[in-house]
Amino acid sequence: MTTASPTTTTPRETRATAAIPRAYGLMAVLLGVAFWPLGAWYTAVGWAWVLNWLLALVALPWRVPTPEGVYGIAAAAIIGGIYSAIELSPPRRKGVDWVSWLMLFVVWLFVIISDVGTTYAGMTQPSGIAAVLAILLTFAPDQATMRGVRILRGKPLI
């Protein structure tokens, strides 16, 4: 009796990825990489806005400056990287007790909500369309890049 190795693809997986031209995968990666810095930038600016709002709420005289220049780019890269790492790895139920999973899920959900919220707050003129854009900039670049790489590697999207 033979067993399939972990890298062996099933006929179903082959059909699923064969129907998607590699150009789509390349375009998904390019769009994801192009838009990720924009979402990260708005998130970093939004965090400055949120922190200033909290400082004003408790009547503290300090203010967090809006990220600019090299420090702003570094802040956006660090904050965006942390958010992306957490967003792309939601808590799994397998092998974890319900209480631990629930705690991880609550933290993960808070991260998702705070990312959308700070992205929205970071936009200079928030409006109805900005809310949609904030949601798109939060999820689309990461997902496009991840799924584009999977297409380029010939793996199924799921």
N, C-alpha and C. Protein backbone atom coordinates (compact mmCIF):
# COMPACT_ATOMS: atom_id res chain seq x y z
N MET A 1 0.85 -1.19 0.00
CA MET A 1 0.00 0.00 0.00
C MET A 1 0.89 1.24 0.00
N THR A 2 0.60 2.18 -0.88
CA THR A 2 1.41 3.40 -0.95
C THR A 2 0.62 4.55 -0.37
N THR A 3 1.35 5.48 0.17
CA THR A 3 0.70 6.68 0.70
C THR A 3 1.21 7.88 -0.06
N ALA A 4 0.36 8.85 -0.21
CA ALA A 4 0.73 10.07 -0.94
C ALA A 4 1.58 10.95 -0.03
N SER A 5 2.59 11.54 -0.60
CA SER A 5 3.42 12.46 0.18
C SER A 5 2.69 13.79 0.33
N PRO A 6 3.08 14.61 1.32
CA PRO A 6 2.38 15.87 1.54
C PRO A 6 2.42 16.82 0.35
N THR A 7 3.41 16.65 -0.54
CA THR A 7 3.52 17.56 -1.69
C THR A 7 2.75 17.06 -2.91
N THR A 8 2.21 15.85 -2.85
CA THR A 8 1.46 15.30 -3.97
C THR A 8 0.13 16.03 -4.09
N THR A 9 -0.21 16.42 -5.32
CA THR A 9 -1.49 17.08 -5.52
C THR A 9 -2.50 16.06 -6.03
N THR A 10 -3.72 16.25 -5.65
CA THR A 10 -4.79 15.37 -6.10
C THR A 10 -5.28 15.88 -7.46
N PRO A 11 -5.96 15.02 -8.20
CA PRO A 11 -6.50 15.49 -9.49
C PRO A 11 -7.43 16.70 -9.33
N ARG A 12 -8.18 16.74 -8.24
CA ARG A 12 -9.08 17.87 -8.00
C ARG A 12 -8.29 19.17 -7.84
N GLU A 13 -7.19 19.13 -7.05
CA GLU A 13 -6.35 20.31 -6.86
C GLU A 13 -5.74 20.75 -8.18
N THR A 14 -5.31 19.78 -8.98
CA THR A 14 -4.69 20.11 -10.27
C THR A 14 -5.69 20.81 -11.17
N ARG A 15 -6.92 20.29 -11.23
CA ARG A 15 -7.95 20.93 -12.05
C ARG A 15 -8.27 22.33 -11.53
N ALA A 16 -8.32 22.49 -10.20
CA ALA A 16 -8.68 23.78 -9.61
C ALA A 16 -7.66 24.85 -9.95
N THR A 17 -6.38 24.50 -9.97
CA THR A 17 -5.37 25.51 -10.25
C THR A 17 -5.05 25.61 -11.73
N ALA A 18 -5.27 24.54 -12.49
CA ALA A 18 -4.98 24.59 -13.92
C ALA A 18 -5.90 25.57 -14.63
N ALA A 19 -7.09 25.79 -14.09
CA ALA A 19 -8.05 26.69 -14.72
C ALA A 19 -7.68 28.16 -14.49
N ILE A 20 -6.75 28.43 -13.57
CA ILE A 20 -6.38 29.81 -13.27
C ILE A 20 -5.02 30.10 -13.91
N PRO A 21 -5.00 30.94 -14.93
CA PRO A 21 -3.72 31.27 -15.57
C PRO A 21 -2.78 31.95 -14.58
N ARG A 22 -1.50 31.69 -14.72
CA ARG A 22 -0.49 32.27 -13.82
C ARG A 22 -0.48 33.79 -13.89
N ALA A 23 -0.95 34.37 -14.98
CA ALA A 23 -1.01 35.83 -15.09
C ALA A 23 -1.90 36.42 -14.00
N TYR A 24 -2.97 35.72 -13.65
CA TYR A 24 -3.84 36.19 -12.57
C TYR A 24 -3.10 36.18 -11.24
N GLY A 25 -2.32 35.14 -11.03
CA GLY A 25 -1.53 35.07 -9.80
C GLY A 25 -0.52 36.19 -9.73
N LEU A 26 0.17 36.45 -10.85
CA LEU A 26 1.15 37.53 -10.88
C LEU A 26 0.48 38.88 -10.65
N MET A 27 -0.67 39.11 -11.26
CA MET A 27 -1.39 40.37 -11.08
C MET A 27 -1.87 40.52 -9.65
N ALA A 28 -2.34 39.44 -9.04
CA ALA A 28 -2.79 39.50 -7.64
C ALA A 28 -1.62 39.88 -6.73
N VAL A 29 -0.45 39.29 -6.95
CA VAL A 29 0.72 39.63 -6.14
C VAL A 29 1.09 41.09 -6.35
N LEU A 30 1.14 41.55 -7.60
CA LEU A 30 1.51 42.94 -7.88
C LEU A 30 0.53 43.93 -7.23
N LEU A 31 -0.76 43.66 -7.33
CA LEU A 31 -1.75 44.54 -6.72
C LEU A 31 -1.65 44.51 -5.19
N GLY A 32 -1.47 43.32 -4.64
CA GLY A 32 -1.33 43.21 -3.19
C GLY A 32 -0.12 43.96 -2.68
N VAL A 33 1.00 43.78 -3.36
CA VAL A 33 2.24 44.47 -2.94
C VAL A 33 2.12 45.98 -3.16
N ALA A 34 1.41 46.39 -4.19
CA ALA A 34 1.26 47.83 -4.46
C ALA A 34 0.36 48.52 -3.44
N PHE A 35 -0.71 47.84 -3.03
CA PHE A 35 -1.66 48.49 -2.12
C PHE A 35 -1.38 48.26 -0.64
N TRP A 36 -0.55 47.28 -0.30
CA TRP A 36 -0.26 47.01 1.10
C TRP A 36 0.35 48.22 1.80
N PRO A 37 1.34 48.91 1.21
CA PRO A 37 1.92 50.09 1.90
C PRO A 37 0.89 51.19 2.16
N LEU A 38 -0.06 51.36 1.25
CA LEU A 38 -1.09 52.38 1.45
C LEU A 38 -1.95 52.05 2.67
N GLY A 39 -2.39 50.80 2.78
CA GLY A 39 -3.16 50.39 3.95
C GLY A 39 -2.36 50.51 5.23
N ALA A 40 -1.08 50.11 5.17
CA ALA A 40 -0.21 50.21 6.36
C ALA A 40 -0.01 51.67 6.76
N TRP A 41 0.15 52.54 5.77
CA TRP A 41 0.34 53.96 6.06
C TRP A 41 -0.89 54.55 6.76
N TYR A 42 -2.07 54.29 6.20
CA TYR A 42 -3.29 54.80 6.83
C TYR A 42 -3.48 54.23 8.24
N THR A 43 -3.07 52.99 8.45
CA THR A 43 -3.18 52.40 9.78
C THR A 43 -2.26 53.11 10.76
N ALA A 44 -1.03 53.39 10.36
CA ALA A 44 -0.08 54.08 11.24
C ALA A 44 -0.58 55.50 11.56
N VAL A 45 -1.06 56.22 10.56
CA VAL A 45 -1.61 57.56 10.78
C VAL A 45 -2.85 57.48 11.67
N GLY A 46 -3.67 56.46 11.45
CA GLY A 46 -4.87 56.27 12.26
C GLY A 46 -4.54 56.00 13.72
N TRP A 47 -3.47 55.24 13.97
CA TRP A 47 -3.07 54.98 15.36
C TRP A 47 -2.66 56.28 16.04
N ALA A 48 -1.97 57.16 15.33
CA ALA A 48 -1.60 58.46 15.92
C ALA A 48 -2.87 59.23 16.28
N TRP A 49 -3.86 59.21 15.39
CA TRP A 49 -5.12 59.90 15.63
C TRP A 49 -5.83 59.31 16.85
N VAL A 50 -5.90 57.97 16.91
CA VAL A 50 -6.59 57.30 18.02
C VAL A 50 -5.87 57.59 19.35
N LEU A 51 -4.55 57.51 19.36
CA LEU A 51 -3.80 57.79 20.59
C LEU A 51 -4.00 59.23 21.04
N ASN A 52 -4.01 60.18 20.10
CA ASN A 52 -4.26 61.58 20.45
C ASN A 52 -5.67 61.77 20.99
N TRP A 53 -6.62 61.07 20.43
CA TRP A 53 -7.99 61.14 20.92
C TRP A 53 -8.07 60.62 22.35
N LEU A 54 -7.39 59.48 22.62
CA LEU A 54 -7.39 58.94 23.98
C LEU A 54 -6.69 59.87 24.96
N LEU A 55 -5.57 60.49 24.56
CA LEU A 55 -4.87 61.43 25.43
C LEU A 55 -5.74 62.64 25.74
N ALA A 56 -6.46 63.14 24.73
CA ALA A 56 -7.35 64.27 24.95
C ALA A 56 -8.53 63.87 25.84
N LEU A 57 -9.00 62.64 25.69
CA LEU A 57 -10.13 62.15 26.48
C LEU A 57 -9.81 62.16 27.97
N VAL A 58 -8.58 61.80 28.31
CA VAL A 58 -8.20 61.78 29.73
C VAL A 58 -7.45 63.06 30.13
N ALA A 59 -7.54 64.07 29.28
CA ALA A 59 -7.00 65.41 29.54
C ALA A 59 -5.49 65.43 29.81
N LEU A 60 -4.75 64.61 29.09
CA LEU A 60 -3.29 64.66 29.19
C LEU A 60 -2.76 65.61 28.12
N PRO A 61 -1.75 66.39 28.43
CA PRO A 61 -1.27 67.41 27.48
C PRO A 61 -0.40 66.87 26.35
N TRP A 62 -0.04 65.61 26.35
CA TRP A 62 0.86 65.08 25.33
C TRP A 62 0.12 64.81 24.03
N ARG A 63 0.87 64.83 22.94
CA ARG A 63 0.33 64.52 21.63
C ARG A 63 1.30 63.61 20.88
N VAL A 64 0.77 62.66 20.16
CA VAL A 64 1.58 61.78 19.31
C VAL A 64 1.63 62.42 17.93
N PRO A 65 2.83 62.68 17.40
CA PRO A 65 2.90 63.31 16.08
C PRO A 65 2.45 62.34 14.98
N THR A 66 1.90 62.90 13.93
CA THR A 66 1.53 62.09 12.77
C THR A 66 2.81 61.56 12.14
N PRO A 67 2.86 60.27 11.82
CA PRO A 67 4.07 59.71 11.23
C PRO A 67 4.43 60.40 9.92
N GLU A 68 5.71 60.75 9.80
CA GLU A 68 6.19 61.40 8.57
C GLU A 68 7.57 60.87 8.22
N GLY A 69 7.93 60.99 6.98
CA GLY A 69 9.28 60.66 6.53
C GLY A 69 9.68 59.23 6.78
N VAL A 70 10.97 59.05 7.05
CA VAL A 70 11.53 57.71 7.27
C VAL A 70 10.90 57.04 8.48
N TYR A 71 10.67 57.81 9.55
CA TYR A 71 10.06 57.23 10.75
C TYR A 71 8.62 56.80 10.47
N GLY A 72 7.93 57.56 9.66
CA GLY A 72 6.56 57.19 9.29
C GLY A 72 6.53 55.91 8.46
N ILE A 73 7.48 55.79 7.53
CA ILE A 73 7.56 54.58 6.72
C ILE A 73 7.90 53.38 7.59
N ALA A 74 8.85 53.58 8.52
CA ALA A 74 9.22 52.49 9.43
C ALA A 74 8.04 52.10 10.31
N ALA A 75 7.33 53.10 10.84
CA ALA A 75 6.16 52.81 11.68
C ALA A 75 5.10 52.06 10.89
N ALA A 76 4.85 52.49 9.65
CA ALA A 76 3.85 51.82 8.81
C ALA A 76 4.27 50.39 8.51
N ALA A 77 5.55 50.16 8.23
CA ALA A 77 6.02 48.82 7.92
C ALA A 77 5.90 47.90 9.13
N ILE A 78 6.28 48.40 10.31
CA ILE A 78 6.22 47.58 11.52
C ILE A 78 4.78 47.29 11.91
N ILE A 79 3.97 48.35 11.99
CA ILE A 79 2.57 48.17 12.39
C ILE A 79 1.83 47.31 11.37
N GLY A 80 2.02 47.61 10.08
CA GLY A 80 1.37 46.83 9.03
C GLY A 80 1.81 45.38 9.03
N GLY A 81 3.09 45.14 9.27
CA GLY A 81 3.59 43.77 9.30
C GLY A 81 3.00 42.97 10.44
N ILE A 82 2.90 43.60 11.60
CA ILE A 82 2.30 42.91 12.76
C ILE A 82 0.83 42.60 12.49
N TYR A 83 0.11 43.59 11.98
CA TYR A 83 -1.30 43.37 11.65
C TYR A 83 -1.45 42.24 10.63
N SER A 84 -0.66 42.28 9.56
CA SER A 84 -0.78 41.26 8.52
C SER A 84 -0.50 39.86 9.06
N ALA A 85 0.53 39.76 9.89
CA ALA A 85 0.87 38.45 10.44
C ALA A 85 -0.28 37.88 11.27
N ILE A 86 -0.93 38.74 12.04
CA ILE A 86 -2.04 38.27 12.88
C ILE A 86 -3.28 38.00 12.03
N GLU A 87 -3.58 38.89 11.08
CA GLU A 87 -4.78 38.73 10.26
C GLU A 87 -4.72 37.48 9.40
N LEU A 88 -3.54 37.13 8.92
CA LEU A 88 -3.42 35.96 8.03
C LEU A 88 -3.35 34.64 8.79
N SER A 89 -3.38 34.70 10.11
CA SER A 89 -3.35 33.45 10.87
C SER A 89 -4.42 33.48 11.96
N PRO A 90 -5.69 33.38 11.57
CA PRO A 90 -6.75 33.35 12.58
C PRO A 90 -6.61 32.12 13.47
N PRO A 91 -7.11 32.19 14.70
CA PRO A 91 -6.96 31.05 15.61
C PRO A 91 -7.70 29.82 15.08
N ARG A 92 -7.05 28.69 15.21
CA ARG A 92 -7.63 27.42 14.79
C ARG A 92 -8.16 26.68 16.02
N ARG A 93 -9.24 26.01 15.85
CA ARG A 93 -9.87 25.28 16.96
C ARG A 93 -9.18 23.95 17.23
N LYS A 94 -8.54 23.39 16.23
CA LYS A 94 -7.95 22.05 16.33
C LYS A 94 -6.89 21.98 17.43
N GLY A 95 -7.10 21.07 18.38
CA GLY A 95 -6.13 20.83 19.43
C GLY A 95 -6.08 21.87 20.54
N VAL A 96 -7.04 22.78 20.57
CA VAL A 96 -7.06 23.83 21.59
C VAL A 96 -8.40 23.77 22.32
N ASP A 97 -8.35 23.92 23.65
CA ASP A 97 -9.61 23.89 24.39
C ASP A 97 -10.43 25.15 24.06
N TRP A 98 -11.72 25.07 24.31
CA TRP A 98 -12.65 26.14 23.92
C TRP A 98 -12.31 27.48 24.55
N VAL A 99 -11.92 27.50 25.80
CA VAL A 99 -11.63 28.76 26.49
C VAL A 99 -10.42 29.44 25.86
N SER A 100 -9.37 28.68 25.63
CA SER A 100 -8.17 29.25 25.00
C SER A 100 -8.49 29.75 23.59
N TRP A 101 -9.24 28.93 22.83
CA TRP A 101 -9.59 29.34 21.47
C TRP A 101 -10.43 30.62 21.50
N LEU A 102 -11.37 30.70 22.41
CA LEU A 102 -12.23 31.88 22.50
C LEU A 102 -11.40 33.13 22.83
N MET A 103 -10.46 32.99 23.74
CA MET A 103 -9.59 34.13 24.07
C MET A 103 -8.77 34.57 22.85
N LEU A 104 -8.20 33.60 22.14
CA LEU A 104 -7.43 33.92 20.94
C LEU A 104 -8.32 34.56 19.88
N PHE A 105 -9.55 34.05 19.75
CA PHE A 105 -10.47 34.60 18.77
C PHE A 105 -10.83 36.05 19.11
N VAL A 106 -11.05 36.34 20.38
CA VAL A 106 -11.38 37.70 20.80
C VAL A 106 -10.22 38.65 20.49
N VAL A 107 -9.00 38.22 20.77
CA VAL A 107 -7.82 39.04 20.46
C VAL A 107 -7.72 39.24 18.95
N TRP A 108 -7.89 38.16 18.18
CA TRP A 108 -7.81 38.25 16.72
C TRP A 108 -8.89 39.19 16.18
N LEU A 109 -10.11 39.08 16.71
CA LEU A 109 -11.20 39.95 16.28
C LEU A 109 -10.91 41.41 16.62
N PHE A 110 -10.35 41.66 17.81
CA PHE A 110 -9.97 43.02 18.18
C PHE A 110 -8.93 43.57 17.20
N VAL A 111 -7.98 42.75 16.82
CA VAL A 111 -6.96 43.19 15.86
C VAL A 111 -7.60 43.56 14.53
N ILE A 112 -8.52 42.73 14.05
CA ILE A 112 -9.20 43.01 12.78
C ILE A 112 -9.97 44.33 12.88
N ILE A 113 -10.75 44.49 13.93
CA ILE A 113 -11.57 45.70 14.09
C ILE A 113 -10.68 46.93 14.26
N SER A 114 -9.60 46.80 15.03
CA SER A 114 -8.72 47.96 15.22
C SER A 114 -7.99 48.31 13.93
N ASP A 115 -7.69 47.33 13.10
CA ASP A 115 -7.03 47.63 11.83
C ASP A 115 -7.97 48.39 10.90
N VAL A 116 -9.18 47.91 10.78
CA VAL A 116 -10.16 48.63 9.93
C VAL A 116 -10.41 50.02 10.50
N GLY A 117 -10.57 50.12 11.82
CA GLY A 117 -10.86 51.41 12.45
C GLY A 117 -9.73 52.40 12.31
N THR A 118 -8.48 51.96 12.53
CA THR A 118 -7.36 52.90 12.41
C THR A 118 -7.08 53.25 10.95
N THR A 119 -7.34 52.32 10.04
CA THR A 119 -7.19 52.65 8.61
C THR A 119 -8.21 53.73 8.24
N TYR A 120 -9.44 53.57 8.71
CA TYR A 120 -10.48 54.57 8.45
C TYR A 120 -10.11 55.90 9.10
N ALA A 121 -9.65 55.87 10.35
CA ALA A 121 -9.28 57.10 11.05
C ALA A 121 -8.09 57.78 10.41
N GLY A 122 -7.21 57.02 9.79
CA GLY A 122 -6.03 57.59 9.16
C GLY A 122 -6.29 58.32 7.87
N MET A 123 -7.44 58.12 7.28
CA MET A 123 -7.77 58.83 6.05
C MET A 123 -8.10 60.27 6.39
N THR A 124 -7.59 61.20 5.59
CA THR A 124 -7.74 62.62 5.92
C THR A 124 -9.18 63.09 5.85
N GLN A 125 -9.97 62.54 4.96
CA GLN A 125 -11.36 62.96 4.79
C GLN A 125 -12.28 61.74 4.89
N PRO A 126 -12.43 61.15 6.08
CA PRO A 126 -13.29 59.96 6.17
C PRO A 126 -14.71 60.25 5.69
N SER A 127 -15.25 59.32 4.93
CA SER A 127 -16.61 59.44 4.41
C SER A 127 -17.15 58.03 4.24
N GLY A 128 -18.31 57.90 3.63
CA GLY A 128 -18.89 56.58 3.41
C GLY A 128 -18.00 55.72 2.54
N ILE A 129 -17.46 56.29 1.48
CA ILE A 129 -16.59 55.52 0.60
C ILE A 129 -15.28 55.18 1.30
N ALA A 130 -14.87 56.02 2.24
CA ALA A 130 -13.64 55.75 3.00
C ALA A 130 -13.80 54.50 3.85
N ALA A 131 -15.00 54.26 4.35
CA ALA A 131 -15.23 53.05 5.15
C ALA A 131 -15.04 51.81 4.29
N VAL A 132 -15.56 51.84 3.09
CA VAL A 132 -15.39 50.71 2.17
C VAL A 132 -13.91 50.55 1.80
N LEU A 133 -13.26 51.67 1.51
CA LEU A 133 -11.85 51.65 1.17
C LEU A 133 -11.01 51.13 2.34
N ALA A 134 -11.37 51.51 3.56
CA ALA A 134 -10.64 51.03 4.73
C ALA A 134 -10.73 49.51 4.85
N ILE A 135 -11.91 48.98 4.62
CA ILE A 135 -12.09 47.52 4.68
C ILE A 135 -11.30 46.85 3.57
N LEU A 136 -11.37 47.41 2.36
CA LEU A 136 -10.61 46.83 1.26
C LEU A 136 -9.11 46.89 1.50
N LEU A 137 -8.61 48.02 1.97
CA LEU A 137 -7.17 48.16 2.21
C LEU A 137 -6.71 47.29 3.39
N THR A 138 -7.62 46.92 4.26
CA THR A 138 -7.26 46.05 5.38
C THR A 138 -7.07 44.61 4.91
N PHE A 139 -7.95 44.13 4.06
CA PHE A 139 -7.93 42.71 3.71
C PHE A 139 -7.41 42.39 2.32
N ALA A 140 -7.73 43.20 1.32
CA ALA A 140 -7.42 42.85 -0.06
C ALA A 140 -5.94 42.67 -0.36
N PRO A 141 -5.04 43.57 0.06
CA PRO A 141 -3.63 43.37 -0.31
C PRO A 141 -3.04 42.07 0.25
N ASP A 142 -3.30 41.76 1.51
CA ASP A 142 -2.77 40.52 2.09
C ASP A 142 -3.33 39.30 1.36
N GLN A 143 -4.64 39.29 1.17
CA GLN A 143 -5.26 38.14 0.53
C GLN A 143 -4.82 38.00 -0.93
N ALA A 144 -4.75 39.12 -1.65
CA ALA A 144 -4.33 39.07 -3.05
C ALA A 144 -2.91 38.53 -3.17
N THR A 145 -2.02 39.02 -2.32
CA THR A 145 -0.63 38.56 -2.38
C THR A 145 -0.54 37.08 -2.04
N MET A 146 -1.18 36.67 -0.95
CA MET A 146 -1.12 35.28 -0.53
C MET A 146 -1.70 34.35 -1.60
N ARG A 147 -2.85 34.69 -2.11
CA ARG A 147 -3.50 33.82 -3.09
C ARG A 147 -2.78 33.87 -4.44
N GLY A 148 -2.22 35.03 -4.78
CA GLY A 148 -1.44 35.12 -6.01
C GLY A 148 -0.21 34.23 -5.98
N VAL A 149 0.45 34.19 -4.85
CA VAL A 149 1.62 33.31 -4.69
C VAL A 149 1.18 31.86 -4.82
N ARG A 150 0.04 31.52 -4.24
CA ARG A 150 -0.45 30.14 -4.35
C ARG A 150 -0.73 29.78 -5.82
N ILE A 151 -1.32 30.72 -6.57
CA ILE A 151 -1.57 30.46 -7.99
C ILE A 151 -0.25 30.25 -8.72
N LEU A 152 0.72 31.12 -8.46
CA LEU A 152 2.02 31.01 -9.14
C LEU A 152 2.72 29.69 -8.81
N ARG A 153 2.49 29.19 -7.61
CA ARG A 153 3.09 27.92 -7.20
C ARG A 153 2.28 26.72 -7.69
N GLY A 154 1.11 26.98 -8.30
CA GLY A 154 0.28 25.89 -8.80
C GLY A 154 -0.52 25.18 -7.72
N LYS A 155 -0.77 25.86 -6.60
CA LYS A 155 -1.50 25.25 -5.49
C LYS A 155 -2.94 25.75 -5.49
N PRO A 156 -3.85 25.00 -4.84
CA PRO A 156 -5.24 25.46 -4.78
C PRO A 156 -5.36 26.72 -3.93
N LEU A 157 -6.36 27.51 -4.20
CA LEU A 157 -6.54 28.78 -3.50
C LEU A 157 -7.01 28.62 -2.07
N ILE A 158 -7.57 27.51 -1.73
CA ILE A 158 -8.11 27.31 -0.38
C ILE A 158 -7.09 26.65 0.50
